[in-house]
Amino acid sequence: MALKIRLARGGSKKRPFYSVVIADSRAPRDGRFIEKIGTYDPRLPKDSDARVKIDSEKAASWVAKGAKPTDRVARFLNQIVLEGQDAPIWAWAPGNNPKKGEPGQKAKERAEEKAEKAAAPAEDA
C-alpha cells in the first residue's frame, strides 16, 4: 500500500476548496482517505494565513511513515519547518523536463510530409 499526501477537492462548481489528506494511492481523488491533516483554499490571497492550513506534526509523522506528497502538497510542506529543526518537512525542488515542448512522433511525421509536399512544387518550377 503506497501512501500519498494529496489534495481532495471539495466545494461547489467554480468554488474550489481542497482538503489535505493521507490516502492510498489507488483510492479515488475525492474518495476514501485515512486522515485529514489540513485544508487549502485557492481563492484566498497568497499572503493570507488561512489559504493553507496543515497540521505540521501529523504531516511530519506521516512522512516519517513513508507517505509521499504530491507535487502541490510538497510545495506546501517545503514552507513548513518544525520547531527545533532547521530543514522543512519535505524538500521540494522544481522538476526539469527538457522534452516538454517537443512535438510527438506523429506531429514530426506530419511536419516531414508537409515539407516534402512544399518542396515538390518548387522542384517542378
PDB file of N, CA and C in Angstrom:
ATOM      1  N   MET A   1       0.854  -1.186   0.000  1.00  0.00           N
ATOM      2  CA  MET A   1       0.000   0.000   0.000  1.00  0.00           C
ATOM      3  C   MET A   1       0.890   1.237   0.000  1.00  0.00           C
ATOM      4  N   ALA A   2       0.791   2.039  -1.051  1.00  0.00           N
ATOM      5  CA  ALA A   2       1.568   3.267  -1.159  1.00  0.00           C
ATOM      6  C   ALA A   2       0.733   4.437  -0.645  1.00  0.00           C
ATOM      7  N   LEU A   3       1.246   5.116   0.344  1.00  0.00           N
ATOM      8  CA  LEU A   3       0.522   6.242   0.921  1.00  0.00           C
ATOM      9  C   LEU A   3       0.904   7.529   0.233  1.00  0.00           C
ATOM     10  N   LYS A   4      -0.081   8.379   0.017  1.00  0.00           N
ATOM     11  CA  LYS A   4       0.127   9.680  -0.603  1.00  0.00           C
ATOM     12  C   LYS A   4      -0.457  10.756   0.298  1.00  0.00           C
ATOM     13  N   ILE A   5       0.206  11.898   0.331  1.00  0.00           N
ATOM     14  CA  ILE A   5      -0.360  13.089   0.946  1.00  0.00           C
ATOM     15  C   ILE A   5      -0.805  13.939  -0.232  1.00  0.00           C
ATOM     16  N   ARG A   6      -2.122  14.118  -0.388  1.00  0.00           N
ATOM     17  CA  ARG A   6      -2.615  14.789  -1.581  1.00  0.00           C
ATOM     18  C   ARG A   6      -3.838  15.637  -1.282  1.00  0.00           C
ATOM     19  N   LEU A   7      -4.298  16.335  -2.306  1.00  0.00           N
ATOM     20  CA  LEU A   7      -5.470  17.196  -2.180  1.00  0.00           C
ATOM     21  C   LEU A   7      -6.712  16.437  -2.610  1.00  0.00           C
ATOM     22  N   ALA A   8      -7.787  16.577  -1.828  1.00  0.00           N
ATOM     23  CA  ALA A   8      -9.088  16.022  -2.202  1.00  0.00           C
ATOM     24  C   ALA A   8     -10.009  17.218  -2.410  1.00  0.00           C
ATOM     25  N   ARG A   9     -10.597  17.328  -3.584  1.00  0.00           N
ATOM     26  CA  ARG A   9     -11.399  18.501  -3.902  1.00  0.00           C
ATOM     27  C   ARG A   9     -12.764  18.453  -3.242  1.00  0.00           C
ATOM     28  N   GLY A  10     -13.170  19.600  -2.756  1.00  0.00           N
ATOM     29  CA  GLY A  10     -14.498  19.782  -2.197  1.00  0.00           C
ATOM     30  C   GLY A  10     -15.043  21.085  -2.747  1.00  0.00           C
ATOM     31  N   GLY A  11     -16.070  21.604  -2.140  1.00  0.00           N
ATOM     32  CA  GLY A  11     -16.641  22.852  -2.623  1.00  0.00           C
ATOM     33  C   GLY A  11     -17.570  22.616  -3.792  1.00  0.00           C
ATOM     34  N   SER A  12     -18.219  23.664  -4.213  1.00  0.00           N
ATOM     35  CA  SER A  12     -19.171  23.556  -5.309  1.00  0.00           C
ATOM     36  C   SER A  12     -18.515  23.939  -6.631  1.00  0.00           C
ATOM     37  N   LYS A  13     -19.313  23.917  -7.686  1.00  0.00           N
ATOM     38  CA  LYS A  13     -18.808  24.243  -9.010  1.00  0.00           C
ATOM     39  C   LYS A  13     -18.272  25.678  -9.039  1.00  0.00           C
ATOM     40  N   LYS A  14     -17.108  25.876  -9.615  1.00  0.00           N
ATOM     41  CA  LYS A  14     -16.444  27.178  -9.744  1.00  0.00           C
ATOM     42  C   LYS A  14     -15.990  27.756  -8.408  1.00  0.00           C
ATOM     43  N   ARG A  15     -16.085  27.001  -7.315  1.00  0.00           N
ATOM     44  CA  ARG A  15     -15.652  27.464  -5.995  1.00  0.00           C
ATOM     45  C   ARG A  15     -14.837  26.356  -5.317  1.00  0.00           C
ATOM     46  N   PRO A  16     -13.601  26.136  -5.788  1.00  0.00           N
ATOM     47  CA  PRO A  16     -12.826  25.010  -5.287  1.00  0.00           C
ATOM     48  C   PRO A  16     -12.385  25.189  -3.836  1.00  0.00           C
ATOM     49  N   PHE A  17     -12.332  24.088  -3.142  1.00  0.00           N
ATOM     50  CA  PHE A  17     -11.821  24.025  -1.772  1.00  0.00           C
ATOM     51  C   PHE A  17     -11.229  22.633  -1.621  1.00  0.00           C
ATOM     52  N   TYR A  18     -10.049  22.547  -1.078  1.00  0.00           N
ATOM     53  CA  TYR A  18      -9.359  21.271  -1.007  1.00  0.00           C
ATOM     54  C   TYR A  18      -9.054  20.881   0.433  1.00  0.00           C
ATOM     55  N   SER A  19      -9.101  19.582   0.700  1.00  0.00           N
ATOM     56  CA  SER A  19      -8.649  19.029   1.963  1.00  0.00           C
ATOM     57  C   SER A  19      -7.313  18.335   1.702  1.00  0.00           C
ATOM     58  N   VAL A  20      -6.364  18.532   2.600  1.00  0.00           N
ATOM     59  CA  VAL A  20      -5.090  17.825   2.502  1.00  0.00           C
ATOM     60  C   VAL A  20      -5.267  16.519   3.265  1.00  0.00           C
ATOM     61  N   VAL A  21      -5.173  15.392   2.567  1.00  0.00           N
ATOM     62  CA  VAL A  21      -5.483  14.094   3.165  1.00  0.00           C
ATOM     63  C   VAL A  21      -4.353  13.099   2.949  1.00  0.00           C
ATOM     64  N   ILE A  22      -4.342  12.082   3.803  1.00  0.00           N
ATOM     65  CA  ILE A  22      -3.474  10.926   3.640  1.00  0.00           C
ATOM     66  C   ILE A  22      -4.355   9.839   3.036  1.00  0.00           C
ATOM     67  N   ALA A  23      -3.957   9.303   1.888  1.00  0.00           N
ATOM     68  CA  ALA A  23      -4.789   8.297   1.217  1.00  0.00           C
ATOM     69  C   ALA A  23      -3.910   7.254   0.544  1.00  0.00           C
ATOM     70  N   ASP A  24      -4.516   6.114   0.298  1.00  0.00           N
ATOM     71  CA  ASP A  24      -3.869   5.085  -0.501  1.00  0.00           C
ATOM     72  C   ASP A  24      -3.804   5.614  -1.936  1.00  0.00           C
ATOM     73  N   SER A  25      -2.694   5.395  -2.606  1.00  0.00           N
ATOM     74  CA  SER A  25      -2.525   5.938  -3.955  1.00  0.00           C
ATOM     75  C   SER A  25      -3.542   5.383  -4.942  1.00  0.00           C
ATOM     76  N   ARG A  26      -4.134   4.215  -4.634  1.00  0.00           N
ATOM     77  CA  ARG A  26      -5.104   3.607  -5.547  1.00  0.00           C
ATOM     78  C   ARG A  26      -6.518   4.123  -5.329  1.00  0.00           C
ATOM     79  N   ALA A  27      -6.761   4.853  -4.245  1.00  0.00           N
ATOM     80  CA  ALA A  27      -8.101   5.361  -3.936  1.00  0.00           C
ATOM     81  C   ALA A  27      -8.434   6.534  -4.863  1.00  0.00           C
ATOM     82  N   PRO A  28      -9.723   6.775  -5.139  1.00  0.00           N
ATOM     83  CA  PRO A  28     -10.107   7.912  -5.973  1.00  0.00           C
ATOM     84  C   PRO A  28      -9.708   9.243  -5.331  1.00  0.00           C
ATOM     85  N   ARG A  29      -9.541  10.268  -6.148  1.00  0.00           N
ATOM     86  CA  ARG A  29      -9.098  11.582  -5.672  1.00  0.00           C
ATOM     87  C   ARG A  29      -9.951  12.107  -4.524  1.00  0.00           C
ATOM     88  N   ASP A  30     -11.261  12.060  -4.683  1.00  0.00           N
ATOM     89  CA  ASP A  30     -12.164  12.582  -3.663  1.00  0.00           C
ATOM     90  C   ASP A  30     -12.764  11.472  -2.819  1.00  0.00           C
ATOM     91  N   GLY A  31     -12.238  10.276  -2.942  1.00  0.00           N
ATOM     92  CA  GLY A  31     -12.825   9.116  -2.280  1.00  0.00           C
ATOM     93  C   GLY A  31     -12.250   8.848  -0.911  1.00  0.00           C
ATOM     94  N   ARG A  32     -12.098   7.572  -0.616  1.00  0.00           N
ATOM     95  CA  ARG A  32     -11.691   7.122   0.710  1.00  0.00           C
ATOM     96  C   ARG A  32     -10.289   7.643   1.063  1.00  0.00           C
ATOM     97  N   PHE A  33     -10.140   8.128   2.291  1.00  0.00           N
ATOM     98  CA  PHE A  33      -8.845   8.561   2.784  1.00  0.00           C
ATOM     99  C   PHE A  33      -8.660   8.087   4.214  1.00  0.00           C
ATOM    100  N   ILE A  34      -7.429   8.131   4.692  1.00  0.00           N
ATOM    101  CA  ILE A  34      -7.100   7.633   6.022  1.00  0.00           C
ATOM    102  C   ILE A  34      -7.277   8.729   7.068  1.00  0.00           C
ATOM    103  N   GLU A  35      -6.725   9.910   6.772  1.00  0.00           N
ATOM    104  CA  GLU A  35      -6.788  11.002   7.738  1.00  0.00           C
ATOM    105  C   GLU A  35      -6.733  12.341   7.010  1.00  0.00           C
ATOM    106  N   LYS A  36      -7.460  13.325   7.527  1.00  0.00           N
ATOM    107  CA  LYS A  36      -7.426  14.683   7.006  1.00  0.00           C
ATOM    108  C   LYS A  36      -6.472  15.483   7.873  1.00  0.00           C
ATOM    109  N   ILE A  37      -5.445  16.079   7.256  1.00  0.00           N
ATOM    110  CA  ILE A  37      -4.454  16.809   8.043  1.00  0.00           C
ATOM    111  C   ILE A  37      -4.442  18.305   7.768  1.00  0.00           C
ATOM    112  N   GLY A  38      -5.279  18.795   6.860  1.00  0.00           N
ATOM    113  CA  GLY A  38      -5.289  20.224   6.602  1.00  0.00           C
ATOM    114  C   GLY A  38      -6.251  20.614   5.508  1.00  0.00           C
ATOM    115  N   THR A  39      -6.220  21.913   5.175  1.00  0.00           N
ATOM    116  CA  THR A  39      -7.081  22.460   4.128  1.00  0.00           C
ATOM    117  C   THR A  39      -6.284  23.417   3.247  1.00  0.00           C
ATOM    118  N   TYR A  40      -6.827  23.661   2.051  1.00  0.00           N
ATOM    119  CA  TYR A  40      -6.246  24.611   1.101  1.00  0.00           C
ATOM    120  C   TYR A  40      -7.382  25.299   0.371  1.00  0.00           C
ATOM    121  N   ASP A  41      -7.409  26.629   0.452  1.00  0.00           N
ATOM    122  CA  ASP A  41      -8.444  27.419  -0.222  1.00  0.00           C
ATOM    123  C   ASP A  41      -7.755  28.324  -1.250  1.00  0.00           C
ATOM    124  N   PRO A  42      -7.740  27.932  -2.536  1.00  0.00           N
ATOM    125  CA  PRO A  42      -7.011  28.701  -3.550  1.00  0.00           C
ATOM    126  C   PRO A  42      -7.630  30.054  -3.870  1.00  0.00           C
ATOM    127  N   ARG A  43      -8.854  30.299  -3.407  1.00  0.00           N
ATOM    128  CA  ARG A  43      -9.498  31.576  -3.715  1.00  0.00           C
ATOM    129  C   ARG A  43      -9.034  32.701  -2.798  1.00  0.00           C
ATOM    130  N   LEU A  44      -8.394  32.366  -1.706  1.00  0.00           N
ATOM    131  CA  LEU A  44      -7.874  33.387  -0.792  1.00  0.00           C
ATOM    132  C   LEU A  44      -6.572  33.967  -1.339  1.00  0.00           C
ATOM    133  N   PRO A  45      -6.220  35.204  -0.945  1.00  0.00           N
ATOM    134  CA  PRO A  45      -4.955  35.777  -1.425  1.00  0.00           C
ATOM    135  C   PRO A  45      -3.742  34.980  -0.941  1.00  0.00           C
ATOM    136  N   LYS A  46      -2.654  35.050  -1.709  1.00  0.00           N
ATOM    137  CA  LYS A  46      -1.481  34.233  -1.406  1.00  0.00           C
ATOM    138  C   LYS A  46      -0.836  34.579  -0.071  1.00  0.00           C
ATOM    139  N   ASP A  47      -1.010  35.804   0.405  1.00  0.00           N
ATOM    140  CA  ASP A  47      -0.393  36.180   1.674  1.00  0.00           C
ATOM    141  C   ASP A  47      -1.286  35.890   2.880  1.00  0.00           C
ATOM    142  N   SER A  48      -2.458  35.312   2.657  1.00  0.00           N
ATOM    143  CA  SER A  48      -3.388  35.002   3.738  1.00  0.00           C
ATOM    144  C   SER A  48      -2.930  33.761   4.508  1.00  0.00           C
ATOM    145  N   ASP A  49      -3.045  33.819   5.843  1.00  0.00           N
ATOM    146  CA  ASP A  49      -2.677  32.667   6.672  1.00  0.00           C
ATOM    147  C   ASP A  49      -3.682  31.531   6.531  1.00  0.00           C
ATOM    148  N   ALA A  50      -4.924  31.846   6.177  1.00  0.00           N
ATOM    149  CA  ALA A  50      -5.977  30.831   6.078  1.00  0.00           C
ATOM    150  C   ALA A  50      -5.948  30.098   4.734  1.00  0.00           C
ATOM    151  N   ARG A  51      -5.087  30.514   3.804  1.00  0.00           N
ATOM    152  CA  ARG A  51      -5.043  29.863   2.488  1.00  0.00           C
ATOM    153  C   ARG A  51      -4.615  28.398   2.613  1.00  0.00           C
ATOM    154  N   VAL A  52      -3.548  28.138   3.352  1.00  0.00           N
ATOM    155  CA  VAL A  52      -3.062  26.770   3.567  1.00  0.00           C
ATOM    156  C   VAL A  52      -2.939  26.545   5.063  1.00  0.00           C
ATOM    157  N   LYS A  53      -3.663  25.550   5.556  1.00  0.00           N
ATOM    158  CA  LYS A  53      -3.565  25.160   6.962  1.00  0.00           C
ATOM    159  C   LYS A  53      -3.249  23.674   7.000  1.00  0.00           C
ATOM    160  N   ILE A  54      -2.078  23.331   7.518  1.00  0.00           N
ATOM    161  CA  ILE A  54      -1.667  21.928   7.616  1.00  0.00           C
ATOM    162  C   ILE A  54      -1.147  21.682   9.029  1.00  0.00           C
ATOM    163  N   ASP A  55      -1.588  20.595   9.644  1.00  0.00           N
ATOM    164  CA  ASP A  55      -1.083  20.183  10.948  1.00  0.00           C
ATOM    165  C   ASP A  55       0.325  19.637  10.729  1.00  0.00           C
ATOM    166  N   SER A  56       1.332  20.426  11.087  1.00  0.00           N
ATOM    167  CA  SER A  56       2.713  20.071  10.756  1.00  0.00           C
ATOM    168  C   SER A  56       3.197  18.811  11.469  1.00  0.00           C
ATOM    169  N   GLU A  57       2.750  18.574  12.704  1.00  0.00           N
ATOM    170  CA  GLU A  57       3.187  17.369  13.414  1.00  0.00           C
ATOM    171  C   GLU A  57       2.651  16.110  12.736  1.00  0.00           C
ATOM    172  N   LYS A  58       1.377  16.148  12.353  1.00  0.00           N
ATOM    173  CA  LYS A  58       0.788  14.983  11.672  1.00  0.00           C
ATOM    174  C   LYS A  58       1.463  14.753  10.325  1.00  0.00           C
ATOM    175  N   ALA A  59       1.714  15.850   9.589  1.00  0.00           N
ATOM    176  CA  ALA A  59       2.360  15.715   8.283  1.00  0.00           C
ATOM    177  C   ALA A  59       3.746  15.115   8.432  1.00  0.00           C
ATOM    178  N   ALA A  60       4.510  15.578   9.424  1.00  0.00           N
ATOM    179  CA  ALA A  60       5.861  15.053   9.631  1.00  0.00           C
ATOM    180  C   ALA A  60       5.822  13.579  10.024  1.00  0.00           C
ATOM    181  N   SER A  61       4.841  13.198  10.856  1.00  0.00           N
ATOM    182  CA  SER A  61       4.771  11.794  11.259  1.00  0.00           C
ATOM    183  C   SER A  61       4.399  10.900  10.082  1.00  0.00           C
ATOM    184  N   TRP A  62       3.515  11.358   9.202  1.00  0.00           N
ATOM    185  CA  TRP A  62       3.150  10.547   8.037  1.00  0.00           C
ATOM    186  C   TRP A  62       4.302  10.450   7.047  1.00  0.00           C
ATOM    187  N   VAL A  63       5.072  11.537   6.903  1.00  0.00           N
ATOM    188  CA  VAL A  63       6.246  11.477   6.026  1.00  0.00           C
ATOM    189  C   VAL A  63       7.251  10.477   6.587  1.00  0.00           C
ATOM    190  N   ALA A  64       7.397  10.472   7.919  1.00  0.00           N
ATOM    191  CA  ALA A  64       8.306   9.511   8.558  1.00  0.00           C
ATOM    192  C   ALA A  64       7.827   8.075   8.349  1.00  0.00           C
ATOM    193  N   LYS A  65       6.510   7.870   8.219  1.00  0.00           N
ATOM    194  CA  LYS A  65       5.955   6.527   7.991  1.00  0.00           C
ATOM    195  C   LYS A  65       6.049   6.101   6.525  1.00  0.00           C
ATOM    196  N   GLY A  66       6.471   7.019   5.660  1.00  0.00           N
ATOM    197  CA  GLY A  66       6.673   6.649   4.257  1.00  0.00           C
ATOM    198  C   GLY A  66       5.686   7.254   3.284  1.00  0.00           C
ATOM    199  N   ALA A  67       4.809   8.159   3.728  1.00  0.00           N
ATOM    200  CA  ALA A  67       3.858   8.793   2.813  1.00  0.00           C
ATOM    201  C   ALA A  67       4.589   9.806   1.945  1.00  0.00           C
ATOM    202  N   LYS A  68       4.310   9.777   0.646  1.00  0.00           N
ATOM    203  CA  LYS A  68       4.942  10.696  -0.285  1.00  0.00           C
ATOM    204  C   LYS A  68       3.924  11.751  -0.731  1.00  0.00           C
ATOM    205  N   PRO A  69       4.278  13.040  -0.623  1.00  0.00           N
ATOM    206  CA  PRO A  69       3.344  14.078  -1.051  1.00  0.00           C
ATOM    207  C   PRO A  69       3.335  14.247  -2.571  1.00  0.00           C
ATOM    208  N   THR A  70       2.207  14.716  -3.087  1.00  0.00           N
ATOM    209  CA  THR A  70       2.139  15.087  -4.496  1.00  0.00           C
ATOM    210  C   THR A  70       2.922  16.384  -4.671  1.00  0.00           C
ATOM    211  N   ASP A  71       3.116  16.815  -5.902  1.00  0.00           N
ATOM    212  CA  ASP A  71       3.929  17.992  -6.164  1.00  0.00           C
ATOM    213  C   ASP A  71       3.364  19.237  -5.477  1.00  0.00           C
ATOM    214  N   ARG A  72       2.070  19.456  -5.580  1.00  0.00           N
ATOM    215  CA  ARG A  72       1.453  20.644  -4.975  1.00  0.00           C
ATOM    216  C   ARG A  72       1.585  20.617  -3.454  1.00  0.00           C
ATOM    217  N   VAL A  73       1.332  19.485  -2.834  1.00  0.00           N
ATOM    218  CA  VAL A  73       1.434  19.379  -1.377  1.00  0.00           C
ATOM    219  C   VAL A  73       2.900  19.477  -0.957  1.00  0.00           C
ATOM    220  N   ALA A  74       3.823  18.969  -1.771  1.00  0.00           N
ATOM    221  CA  ALA A  74       5.248  19.079  -1.455  1.00  0.00           C
ATOM    222  C   ALA A  74       5.672  20.543  -1.396  1.00  0.00           C
ATOM    223  N   ARG A  75       5.100  21.382  -2.247  1.00  0.00           N
ATOM    224  CA  ARG A  75       5.391  22.817  -2.190  1.00  0.00           C
ATOM    225  C   ARG A  75       4.925  23.412  -0.869  1.00  0.00           C
ATOM    226  N   PHE A  76       3.760  22.980  -0.391  1.00  0.00           N
ATOM    227  CA  PHE A  76       3.257  23.466   0.897  1.00  0.00           C
ATOM    228  C   PHE A  76       4.170  23.000   2.029  1.00  0.00           C
ATOM    229  N   LEU A  77       4.550  21.714   2.016  1.00  0.00           N
ATOM    230  CA  LEU A  77       5.374  21.154   3.086  1.00  0.00           C
ATOM    231  C   LEU A  77       6.784  21.732   3.085  1.00  0.00           C
ATOM    232  N   ASN A  78       7.227  22.226   1.943  1.00  0.00           N
ATOM    233  CA  ASN A  78       8.541  22.842   1.843  1.00  0.00           C
ATOM    234  C   ASN A  78       8.595  24.145   2.643  1.00  0.00           C
ATOM    235  N   GLN A  79       7.453  24.766   2.879  1.00  0.00           N
ATOM    236  CA  GLN A  79       7.403  26.041   3.597  1.00  0.00           C
ATOM    237  C   GLN A  79       7.233  25.856   5.101  1.00  0.00           C
ATOM    238  N   ILE A  80       6.992  24.618   5.558  1.00  0.00           N
ATOM    239  CA  ILE A  80       6.750  24.362   6.976  1.00  0.00           C
ATOM    240  C   ILE A  80       8.014  23.793   7.611  1.00  0.00           C
ATOM    241  N   VAL A  81       8.496  24.470   8.655  1.00  0.00           N
ATOM    242  CA  VAL A  81       9.655  23.999   9.401  1.00  0.00           C
ATOM    243  C   VAL A  81       9.208  23.744  10.834  1.00  0.00           C
ATOM    244  N   LEU A  82       9.449  22.534  11.332  1.00  0.00           N
ATOM    245  CA  LEU A  82       9.089  22.198  12.706  1.00  0.00           C
ATOM    246  C   LEU A  82      10.036  22.878  13.687  1.00  0.00           C
ATOM    247  N   GLU A  83       9.549  23.114  14.912  1.00  0.00           N
ATOM    248  CA  GLU A  83      10.391  23.715  15.945  1.00  0.00           C
ATOM    249  C   GLU A  83      11.537  22.775  16.286  1.00  0.00           C
ATOM    250  N   GLY A  84      12.717  23.346  16.483  1.00  0.00           N
ATOM    251  CA  GLY A  84      13.882  22.548  16.822  1.00  0.00           C
ATOM    252  C   GLY A  84      14.578  21.936  15.617  1.00  0.00           C
ATOM    253  N   GLN A  85      14.061  22.178  14.432  1.00  0.00           N
ATOM    254  CA  GLN A  85      14.694  21.671  13.207  1.00  0.00           C
ATOM    255  C   GLN A  85      14.989  22.841  12.287  1.00  0.00           C
ATOM    256  N   ASP A  86      15.986  22.668  11.445  1.00  0.00           N
ATOM    257  CA  ASP A  86      16.315  23.732  10.506  1.00  0.00           C
ATOM    258  C   ASP A  86      15.896  23.401   9.078  1.00  0.00           C
ATOM    259  N   ALA A  87      15.452  22.182   8.830  1.00  0.00           N
ATOM    260  CA  ALA A  87      15.038  21.766   7.487  1.00  0.00           C
ATOM    261  C   ALA A  87      13.514  21.667   7.411  1.00  0.00           C
ATOM    262  N   PRO A  88      12.942  21.899   6.240  1.00  0.00           N
ATOM    263  CA  PRO A  88      11.486  21.741   6.096  1.00  0.00           C
ATOM    264  C   PRO A  88      11.066  20.274   6.189  1.00  0.00           C
ATOM    265  N   ILE A  89       9.752  20.052   6.304  1.00  0.00           N
ATOM    266  CA  ILE A  89       9.222  18.688   6.402  1.00  0.00           C
ATOM    267  C   ILE A  89       9.570  17.893   5.149  1.00  0.00           C
ATOM    268  N   TRP A  90       9.438  18.518   3.995  1.00  0.00           N
ATOM    269  CA  TRP A  90       9.738  17.855   2.721  1.00  0.00           C
ATOM    270  C   TRP A  90      10.515  18.840   1.855  1.00  0.00           C
ATOM    271  N   ALA A  91      11.651  18.441   1.350  1.00  0.00           N
ATOM    272  CA  ALA A  91      12.455  19.302   0.492  1.00  0.00           C
ATOM    273  C   ALA A  91      11.942  19.175  -0.938  1.00  0.00           C
ATOM    274  N   TRP A  92      11.347  20.239  -1.445  1.00  0.00           N
ATOM    275  CA  TRP A  92      10.800  20.234  -2.803  1.00  0.00           C
ATOM    276  C   TRP A  92      11.753  20.969  -3.728  1.00  0.00           C
ATOM    277  N   ALA A  93      11.959  20.439  -4.911  1.00  0.00           N
ATOM    278  CA  ALA A  93      12.758  21.090  -5.943  1.00  0.00           C
ATOM    279  C   ALA A  93      11.967  21.019  -7.242  1.00  0.00           C
ATOM    280  N   PRO A  94      11.988  22.080  -8.036  1.00  0.00           N
ATOM    281  CA  PRO A  94      11.250  22.031  -9.296  1.00  0.00           C
ATOM    282  C   PRO A  94      11.816  20.976 -10.223  1.00  0.00           C
ATOM    283  N   GLY A  95      10.924  20.336 -10.972  1.00  0.00           N
ATOM    284  CA  GLY A  95      11.342  19.301 -11.907  1.00  0.00           C
ATOM    285  C   GLY A  95      11.937  19.898 -13.166  1.00  0.00           C
ATOM    286  N   ASN A  96      12.660  19.086 -13.908  1.00  0.00           N
ATOM    287  CA  ASN A  96      13.272  19.524 -15.153  1.00  0.00           C
ATOM    288  C   ASN A  96      12.828  18.569 -16.256  1.00  0.00           C
ATOM    289  N   ASN A  97      12.068  19.084 -17.211  1.00  0.00           N
ATOM    290  CA  ASN A  97      11.615  18.267 -18.324  1.00  0.00           C
ATOM    291  C   ASN A  97      11.983  18.976 -19.627  1.00  0.00           C
ATOM    292  N   PRO A  98      13.198  18.745 -20.145  1.00  0.00           N
ATOM    293  CA  PRO A  98      13.626  19.454 -21.347  1.00  0.00           C
ATOM    294  C   PRO A  98      12.836  19.075 -22.599  1.00  0.00           C
ATOM    295  N   LYS A  99      12.145  17.928 -22.600  1.00  0.00           N
ATOM    296  CA  LYS A  99      11.391  17.496 -23.780  1.00  0.00           C
ATOM    297  C   LYS A  99       9.935  17.938 -23.728  1.00  0.00           C
ATOM    298  N   LYS A 100       9.581  18.823 -22.787  1.00  0.00           N
ATOM    299  CA  LYS A 100       8.191  19.210 -22.594  1.00  0.00           C
ATOM    300  C   LYS A 100       7.584  19.841 -23.854  1.00  0.00           C
ATOM    301  N   GLY A 101       8.302  20.743 -24.498  1.00  0.00           N
ATOM    302  CA  GLY A 101       7.759  21.440 -25.653  1.00  0.00           C
ATOM    303  C   GLY A 101       8.009  20.743 -26.976  1.00  0.00           C
ATOM    304  N   GLU A 102       8.668  19.613 -26.946  1.00  0.00           N
ATOM    305  CA  GLU A 102       8.995  18.895 -28.172  1.00  0.00           C
ATOM    306  C   GLU A 102       7.754  18.173 -28.701  1.00  0.00           C
ATOM    307  N   PRO A 103       7.471  18.296 -30.013  1.00  0.00           N
ATOM    308  CA  PRO A 103       6.290  17.613 -30.547  1.00  0.00           C
ATOM    309  C   PRO A 103       6.453  16.095 -30.531  1.00  0.00           C
ATOM    310  N   GLY A 104       5.326  15.399 -30.570  1.00  0.00           N
ATOM    311  CA  GLY A 104       5.324  13.942 -30.551  1.00  0.00           C
ATOM    312  C   GLY A 104       5.733  13.352 -31.887  1.00  0.00           C
ATOM    313  N   GLN A 105       5.800  12.026 -31.954  1.00  0.00           N
ATOM    314  CA  GLN A 105       6.266  11.331 -33.148  1.00  0.00           C
ATOM    315  C   GLN A 105       5.341  11.584 -34.342  1.00  0.00           C
ATOM    316  N   LYS A 106       4.016  11.512 -34.117  1.00  0.00           N
ATOM    317  CA  LYS A 106       3.066  11.727 -35.216  1.00  0.00           C
ATOM    318  C   LYS A 106       3.185  13.146 -35.771  1.00  0.00           C
ATOM    319  N   ALA A 107       3.340  14.127 -34.875  1.00  0.00           N
ATOM    320  CA  ALA A 107       3.456  15.519 -35.314  1.00  0.00           C
ATOM    321  C   ALA A 107       4.726  15.718 -36.132  1.00  0.00           C
ATOM    322  N   LYS A 108       5.803  15.057 -35.764  1.00  0.00           N
ATOM    323  CA  LYS A 108       7.049  15.153 -36.531  1.00  0.00           C
ATOM    324  C   LYS A 108       6.858  14.561 -37.925  1.00  0.00           C
ATOM    325  N   GLU A 109       6.156  13.401 -38.000  1.00  0.00           N
ATOM    326  CA  GLU A 109       5.905  12.769 -39.301  1.00  0.00           C
ATOM    327  C   GLU A 109       5.055  13.669 -40.186  1.00  0.00           C
ATOM    328  N   ARG A 110       4.020  14.298 -39.615  1.00  0.00           N
ATOM    329  CA  ARG A 110       3.174  15.214 -40.400  1.00  0.00           C
ATOM    330  C   ARG A 110       3.975  16.411 -40.899  1.00  0.00           C
ATOM    331  N   ALA A 111       4.880  16.933 -40.077  1.00  0.00           N
ATOM    332  CA  ALA A 111       5.709  18.073 -40.483  1.00  0.00           C
ATOM    333  C   ALA A 111       6.640  17.686 -41.637  1.00  0.00           C
ATOM    334  N   GLU A 112       7.182  16.465 -41.590  1.00  0.00           N
ATOM    335  CA  GLU A 112       8.048  15.996 -42.672  1.00  0.00           C
ATOM    336  C   GLU A 112       7.263  15.856 -43.974  1.00  0.00           C
ATOM    337  N   GLU A 113       6.046  15.278 -43.905  1.00  0.00           N
ATOM    338  CA  GLU A 113       5.203  15.129 -45.098  1.00  0.00           C
ATOM    339  C   GLU A 113       4.848  16.493 -45.682  1.00  0.00           C
ATOM    340  N   LYS A 114       4.535  17.449 -44.817  1.00  0.00           N
ATOM    341  CA  LYS A 114       4.184  18.796 -45.277  1.00  0.00           C
ATOM    342  C   LYS A 114       5.384  19.455 -45.962  1.00  0.00           C
ATOM    343  N   ALA A 115       6.572  19.251 -45.410  1.00  0.00           N
ATOM    344  CA  ALA A 115       7.785  19.816 -46.007  1.00  0.00           C
ATOM    345  C   ALA A 115       8.064  19.184 -47.377  1.00  0.00           C
ATOM    346  N   GLU A 116       7.818  17.864 -47.502  1.00  0.00           N
ATOM    347  CA  GLU A 116       8.026  17.188 -48.798  1.00  0.00           C
ATOM    348  C   GLU A 116       7.039  17.705 -49.847  1.00  0.00           C
ATOM    349  N   LYS A 117       5.777  17.897 -49.436  1.00  0.00           N
ATOM    350  CA  LYS A 117       4.771  18.413 -50.369  1.00  0.00           C
ATOM    351  C   LYS A 117       5.112  19.842 -50.802  1.00  0.00           C
ATOM    352  N   ALA A 118       5.635  20.642 -49.899  1.00  0.00           N
ATOM    353  CA  ALA A 118       6.007  22.019 -50.235  1.00  0.00           C
ATOM    354  C   ALA A 118       7.233  22.022 -51.151  1.00  0.00           C
ATOM    355  N   ALA A 119       8.125  21.064 -51.011  1.00  0.00           N
ATOM    356  CA  ALA A 119       9.333  21.008 -51.823  1.00  0.00           C
ATOM    357  C   ALA A 119       9.043  20.499 -53.239  1.00  0.00           C
ATOM    358  N   ALA A 120       8.017  19.641 -53.392  1.00  0.00           N
ATOM    359  CA  ALA A 120       7.695  19.059 -54.708  1.00  0.00           C
ATOM    360  C   ALA A 120       7.290  20.126 -55.726  1.00  0.00           C
ATOM    361  N   PRO A 121       6.377  21.072 -55.432  1.00  0.00           N
ATOM    362  CA  PRO A 121       6.040  22.098 -56.439  1.00  0.00           C
ATOM    363  C   PRO A 121       7.220  22.998 -56.763  1.00  0.00           C
ATOM    364  N   ALA A 122       8.097  23.219 -55.812  1.00  0.00           N
ATOM    365  CA  ALA A 122       9.270  24.065 -56.056  1.00  0.00           C
ATOM    366  C   ALA A 122      10.222  23.397 -57.054  1.00  0.00           C
ATOM    367  N   GLU A 123      10.301  22.063 -57.025  1.00  0.00           N
ATOM    368  CA  GLU A 123      11.173  21.347 -57.956  1.00  0.00           C
ATOM    369  C   GLU A 123      10.590  21.388 -59.377  1.00  0.00           C
ATOM    370  N   ASP A 124       9.244  21.325 -59.487  1.00  0.00           N
ATOM    371  CA  ASP A 124       8.620  21.342 -60.812  1.00  0.00           C
ATOM    372  C   ASP A 124       8.825  22.670 -61.519  1.00  0.00           C
ATOM    373  N   ALA A 125       8.914  23.738 -60.783  1.00  0.00           N
ATOM    374  CA  ALA A 125       9.049  25.070 -61.381  1.00  0.00           C
ATOM    375  C   ALA A 125      10.465  25.366 -61.739  1.00  0.00           C
TER     376      ALA A 125
END
